[in-house]
Amino acid sequence: MALSVSALVLFGVICIIFIRNKQLKIGHAILAALFGFMLNQSTAAKPIQDFLSQLAKTISGVAS
């Protein structure tokens, strides 16, 4: 992977700032998409996927 984890953290912080300030424009949306692709290639991808799967199961169990 050409980008280091620090670049991943930087993109994440920038995305959070834009979302919190409600200024997410098309360029910022592209940045958020790039962040998602980089996050998918990091070591954090598996724990995030596991968490989201458990969250979906929990919501499904509560809703039914």
Protein backbone atom coordinates (compact mmCIF):
# COMPACT_ATOMS: atom_id res chain seq x y z
CA MET A 1 0.00 0.00 0.00
CA ALA A 2 1.53 3.29 -1.11
CA LEU A 3 -0.23 5.45 1.50
CA SER A 4 0.66 5.03 5.12
CA VAL A 5 -1.76 4.79 8.03
CA SER A 6 -1.06 8.43 8.87
CA ALA A 7 -2.53 9.47 5.50
CA LEU A 8 -5.56 7.33 6.31
CA VAL A 9 -5.99 9.12 9.62
CA LEU A 10 -5.55 12.50 7.91
CA PHE A 11 -8.28 11.73 5.35
CA GLY A 12 -10.55 10.51 8.13
CA VAL A 13 -10.12 13.70 10.14
CA ILE A 14 -10.75 15.86 7.07
CA CYS A 15 -13.93 13.90 6.26
CA ILE A 16 -15.20 14.30 9.83
CA ILE A 17 -14.56 18.04 9.75
CA PHE A 18 -16.45 18.49 6.48
CA ILE A 19 -19.38 16.38 7.66
CA ARG A 20 -19.65 18.15 11.02
CA ASN A 21 -19.58 21.58 9.34
CA LYS A 22 -22.23 20.44 6.81
CA GLN A 23 -19.98 21.51 3.95
CA LEU A 24 -19.65 18.17 2.16
CA LYS A 25 -19.51 19.16 -1.52
CA ILE A 26 -18.70 16.99 -4.55
CA GLY A 27 -14.94 17.29 -4.04
CA HIS A 28 -15.32 16.39 -0.42
CA ALA A 29 -17.51 13.42 -1.34
CA ILE A 30 -14.70 12.18 -3.59
CA LEU A 31 -12.32 12.56 -0.66
CA ALA A 32 -14.70 10.53 1.51
CA ALA A 33 -14.86 7.81 -1.16
CA LEU A 34 -11.06 7.68 -1.34
CA PHE A 35 -10.99 7.40 2.44
CA GLY A 36 -13.34 4.43 2.23
CA PHE A 37 -11.17 2.68 -0.34
CA MET A 38 -8.04 3.26 1.75
CA LEU A 39 -9.80 2.07 4.89
CA ASN A 40 -10.84 -1.10 3.08
CA GLN A 41 -7.18 -1.88 2.37
CA SER A 42 -6.00 -1.24 5.92
CA THR A 43 -5.77 -3.67 8.81
CA ALA A 44 -8.82 -2.01 10.34
CA ALA A 45 -11.11 -3.38 7.62
CA LYS A 46 -11.80 -6.76 9.29
CA PRO A 47 -12.77 -5.42 12.75
CA ILE A 48 -14.97 -2.76 11.16
CA GLN A 49 -16.71 -5.38 9.01
CA ASP A 50 -17.23 -7.62 12.03
CA PHE A 51 -18.69 -4.72 14.04
CA LEU A 52 -21.07 -3.74 11.24
CA SER A 53 -22.20 -7.35 10.80
CA GLN A 54 -22.95 -7.68 14.51
CA LEU A 55 -24.76 -4.34 14.50
CA ALA A 56 -26.93 -5.46 11.58
CA LYS A 57 -27.73 -8.73 13.35
CA THR A 58 -28.65 -6.88 16.53
CA ILE A 59 -30.92 -4.43 14.69
CA SER A 60 -32.49 -7.30 12.78
CA GLY A 61 -33.13 -9.17 16.03
CA VAL A 62 -34.71 -6.15 17.70
CA ALA A 63 -36.88 -5.31 14.68
CA SER A 64 -38.37 -8.79 14.36
